[in-house]
């Protein structure tokens, strides 16, 4: 069995390759993939990687560090937003290259599922769509808890930490146009394998 350990750069490139495999119209923009412990950002131009960075926070990390109960209260949500805003590394963007923000991964798909549940099903989402989710589900009650546990049961406990983190990232870069991608890192790994990459 040939075992390969991914570096941060490998992970970023696999995420990027996976996104490109499913997004034929993606020319320039920012790609984000939030895992449990880190968040990969790739800035690309003309379908080529220009710069990438791995940020030392992910959905599970944020939950474990800031959330004391089952769901973050307002003070904890504010702490997550402030932490991510201060921790995120700035990308060397050119003018206009932040026009589309591409999201991949499990948290991204959970956002898409919840937006569709709320009747927001456009090809491209905007910052206000995510703020709608944040506002509606920031104060938890039994009804909202049942909705999340039914619609995204495996993401209930990290839904709000990851949502707040992305809102902080959007604000950091002035993002308005957002695309939730179906393809992701696994597609990139397969594409690399079958193309003979190492």
Protein backbone atom coordinates (compact mmCIF):
# COMPACT_ATOMS: atom_id res chain seq x y z
CA UNK A 1 0.00 0.00 0.00
CA UNK A 2 1.39 3.37 -1.05
CA UNK A 3 0.62 5.90 1.69
CA UNK A 4 1.00 9.60 0.93
CA UNK A 5 0.96 12.33 3.56
CA UNK A 6 -0.41 15.66 2.37
CA UNK A 7 1.37 18.88 3.18
CA UNK A 8 -0.60 22.11 3.55
CA UNK A 9 0.40 22.99 -0.01
CA UNK A 10 -0.73 19.56 -1.28
CA UNK A 11 -4.09 20.01 0.42
CA UNK A 12 -4.57 23.47 -1.06
CA UNK A 13 -3.69 22.26 -4.54
CA UNK A 14 -5.98 19.23 -4.30
CA UNK A 15 -8.83 21.50 -3.21
CA UNK A 16 -8.07 23.86 -6.08
CA UNK A 17 -7.90 21.06 -8.68
CA UNK A 18 -11.15 19.61 -7.40
CA UNK A 19 -12.92 22.95 -7.61
CA UNK A 20 -11.67 23.57 -11.17
CA UNK A 21 -12.86 20.13 -12.27
CA UNK A 22 -16.44 21.11 -11.50
CA UNK A 23 -16.36 24.87 -12.12
CA UNK A 24 -15.61 25.36 -15.82
CA UNK A 25 -16.44 29.08 -15.67
CA UNK A 26 -14.12 29.86 -12.76
CA UNK A 27 -11.40 32.14 -14.13
CA UNK A 28 -10.22 34.23 -11.18
CA UNK A 29 -11.23 34.51 -7.55
CA UNK A 30 -10.67 33.02 -4.11
CA UNK A 31 -11.24 29.40 -3.10
CA UNK A 32 -11.87 28.42 0.51
CA UNK A 33 -11.96 24.96 2.05
CA UNK A 34 -12.63 24.80 5.80
CA UNK A 35 -11.76 21.55 7.51
CA UNK A 36 -11.85 20.66 11.17
CA UNK A 37 -8.53 22.24 12.16
CA UNK A 38 -7.52 24.53 9.28
CA UNK A 39 -8.91 26.65 6.47
CA UNK A 40 -7.19 26.65 3.09
CA UNK A 41 -7.43 29.74 0.91
CA UNK A 42 -6.29 29.77 -2.71
CA UNK A 43 -6.15 32.97 -4.74
CA UNK A 44 -6.19 32.14 -8.45
CA UNK A 45 -6.02 34.05 -11.73
CA UNK A 46 -6.79 32.69 -15.20
CA UNK A 47 -7.42 29.24 -13.65
CA UNK A 48 -3.86 29.12 -12.25
CA UNK A 49 -2.94 29.28 -8.59
CA UNK A 50 -1.38 32.62 -7.72
CA UNK A 51 -1.06 32.33 -3.93
CA UNK A 52 -2.29 30.02 -1.20
CA UNK A 53 -2.29 30.02 2.57
CA UNK A 54 -3.37 27.61 5.30
CA UNK A 55 -5.00 29.36 8.26
CA UNK A 56 -4.71 27.58 11.64
CA UNK A 57 -8.42 27.34 12.42
CA UNK A 58 -11.27 25.14 11.27
CA UNK A 59 -14.85 24.42 12.27
CA UNK A 60 -14.06 21.85 14.97
CA UNK A 61 -11.17 23.93 16.33
CA UNK A 62 -13.44 26.97 16.69
CA UNK A 63 -16.16 24.95 18.39
CA UNK A 64 -13.77 23.36 20.87
CA UNK A 65 -12.01 26.63 21.67
CA UNK A 66 -14.96 29.00 21.97
CA UNK A 67 -18.19 27.04 22.54
CA UNK A 68 -18.93 25.85 26.07
CA UNK A 69 -22.30 24.21 25.41
CA UNK A 70 -24.09 22.49 22.56
CA UNK A 71 -24.49 25.72 20.59
CA UNK A 72 -22.60 29.05 20.79
CA UNK A 73 -24.27 31.90 22.65
CA UNK A 74 -23.95 35.49 21.43
CA UNK A 75 -20.76 36.24 23.36
CA UNK A 76 -19.10 33.11 21.99
CA UNK A 77 -20.23 33.93 18.46
CA UNK A 78 -18.70 37.40 18.74
CA UNK A 79 -15.46 35.86 20.01
CA UNK A 80 -15.29 33.53 16.99
CA UNK A 81 -15.87 36.42 14.58
CA UNK A 82 -13.17 38.53 16.22
CA UNK A 83 -10.66 35.68 16.38
CA UNK A 84 -11.05 34.76 12.71
CA UNK A 85 -10.90 38.39 11.62
CA UNK A 86 -7.59 38.84 13.43
CA UNK A 87 -6.14 35.44 12.49
CA UNK A 88 -6.90 35.29 8.77
CA UNK A 89 -3.88 36.00 6.60
CA UNK A 90 -4.41 38.69 3.98
CA UNK A 91 -4.03 37.57 0.36
CA UNK A 92 -2.13 39.74 -2.17
CA UNK A 93 -5.19 40.42 -4.30
CA UNK A 94 -5.28 42.36 -7.55
CA UNK A 95 -8.18 44.73 -8.18
CA UNK A 96 -11.36 42.83 -9.00
CA UNK A 97 -9.98 39.37 -8.22
CA UNK A 98 -12.21 39.02 -5.18
CA UNK A 99 -15.30 39.19 -7.40
CA UNK A 100 -16.26 35.53 -6.75
CA UNK A 101 -15.56 33.49 -3.64
CA UNK A 102 -15.73 29.71 -4.17
CA UNK A 103 -16.59 27.48 -1.20
CA UNK A 104 -15.93 23.75 -1.09
CA UNK A 105 -16.12 21.11 1.63
CA UNK A 106 -18.65 19.81 4.12
CA UNK A 107 -19.41 23.14 5.78
CA UNK A 108 -19.98 24.76 2.38
CA UNK A 109 -22.43 22.03 1.40
CA UNK A 110 -24.24 22.45 4.72
CA UNK A 111 -24.66 26.17 3.98
CA UNK A 112 -26.05 25.32 0.55
CA UNK A 113 -28.46 22.80 2.06
CA UNK A 114 -29.71 25.31 4.62
CA UNK A 115 -30.08 28.11 2.06
CA UNK A 116 -32.09 25.78 -0.18
CA UNK A 117 -34.24 24.82 2.81
CA UNK A 118 -34.90 28.52 3.38
CA UNK A 119 -35.88 28.95 -0.28
CA UNK A 120 -32.66 30.66 -1.38
CA UNK A 121 -31.48 28.54 -4.29
CA UNK A 122 -29.58 30.77 -6.69
CA UNK A 123 -26.49 29.64 -8.60
CA UNK A 124 -24.51 32.40 -6.88
CA UNK A 125 -25.17 33.44 -3.30
CA UNK A 126 -24.33 36.79 -1.75
CA UNK A 127 -23.09 38.03 1.59
CA UNK A 128 -26.64 38.89 2.67
CA UNK A 129 -27.73 35.25 2.25
CA UNK A 130 -25.16 34.13 4.79
CA UNK A 131 -26.06 36.98 7.11
CA UNK A 132 -29.68 35.82 6.90
CA UNK A 133 -28.66 32.37 8.16
CA UNK A 134 -26.48 33.88 10.85
CA UNK A 135 -29.24 36.18 12.07
CA UNK A 136 -31.97 33.54 12.01
CA UNK A 137 -29.99 30.81 13.78
CA UNK A 138 -27.86 32.92 16.11
CA UNK A 139 -30.37 32.54 18.96
CA UNK A 140 -31.28 28.89 19.33
CA UNK A 141 -34.64 27.52 20.42
CA UNK A 142 -36.28 24.11 20.20
CA UNK A 143 -37.81 24.72 16.77
CA UNK A 144 -34.57 25.95 15.18
CA UNK A 145 -32.62 23.17 16.84
CA UNK A 146 -34.99 20.60 15.34
CA UNK A 147 -34.58 22.16 11.89
CA UNK A 148 -30.79 22.02 11.98
CA UNK A 149 -30.71 18.52 13.45
CA UNK A 150 -33.09 17.32 10.74
CA UNK A 151 -31.68 19.15 7.69
CA UNK A 152 -27.93 18.95 8.49
CA UNK A 153 -27.69 16.44 11.35
CA UNK A 154 -23.95 15.78 11.01
CA UNK A 155 -23.12 19.50 11.00
CA UNK A 156 -25.40 20.79 13.75
CA UNK A 157 -22.69 21.44 16.33
CA UNK A 158 -20.25 23.16 13.94
CA UNK A 159 -22.77 24.94 11.71
CA UNK A 160 -22.68 28.29 13.52
CA UNK A 161 -18.91 28.38 14.24
CA UNK A 162 -18.15 27.72 10.57
CA UNK A 163 -20.83 30.15 9.37
CA UNK A 164 -19.50 32.96 11.56
CA UNK A 165 -15.95 32.22 10.43
CA UNK A 166 -16.91 32.56 6.78
CA UNK A 167 -18.81 35.77 7.48
CA UNK A 168 -15.61 37.15 9.03
CA UNK A 169 -13.62 36.05 5.95
CA UNK A 170 -16.16 37.62 3.59
CA UNK A 171 -15.91 40.89 5.48
CA UNK A 172 -12.11 40.76 5.51
CA UNK A 173 -12.00 40.56 1.71
CA UNK A 174 -15.11 42.54 0.85
CA UNK A 175 -16.82 39.50 -0.68
CA UNK A 176 -20.35 39.80 -2.07
CA UNK A 177 -20.63 37.05 -4.72
CA UNK A 178 -20.28 33.48 -3.46
CA UNK A 179 -20.41 30.14 -5.25
CA UNK A 180 -20.96 26.91 -3.31
CA UNK A 181 -19.22 24.16 -5.29
CA UNK A 182 -20.25 20.54 -5.55
CA UNK A 183 -16.74 19.31 -6.34
CA UNK A 184 -13.95 19.42 -3.79
CA UNK A 185 -10.72 18.02 -2.47
CA UNK A 186 -11.57 14.38 -3.16
CA UNK A 187 -12.22 15.21 -6.81
CA UNK A 188 -8.83 16.90 -6.92
CA UNK A 189 -7.09 13.87 -5.41
CA UNK A 190 -8.71 11.55 -7.96
CA UNK A 191 -7.89 13.93 -10.81
CA UNK A 192 -4.26 14.04 -9.69
CA UNK A 193 -4.09 10.26 -9.34
CA UNK A 194 -5.53 9.48 -12.75
CA UNK A 195 -3.39 12.12 -14.45
CA UNK A 196 -0.30 10.47 -13.06
CA UNK A 197 0.49 13.15 -10.50
CA UNK A 198 2.48 12.42 -7.36
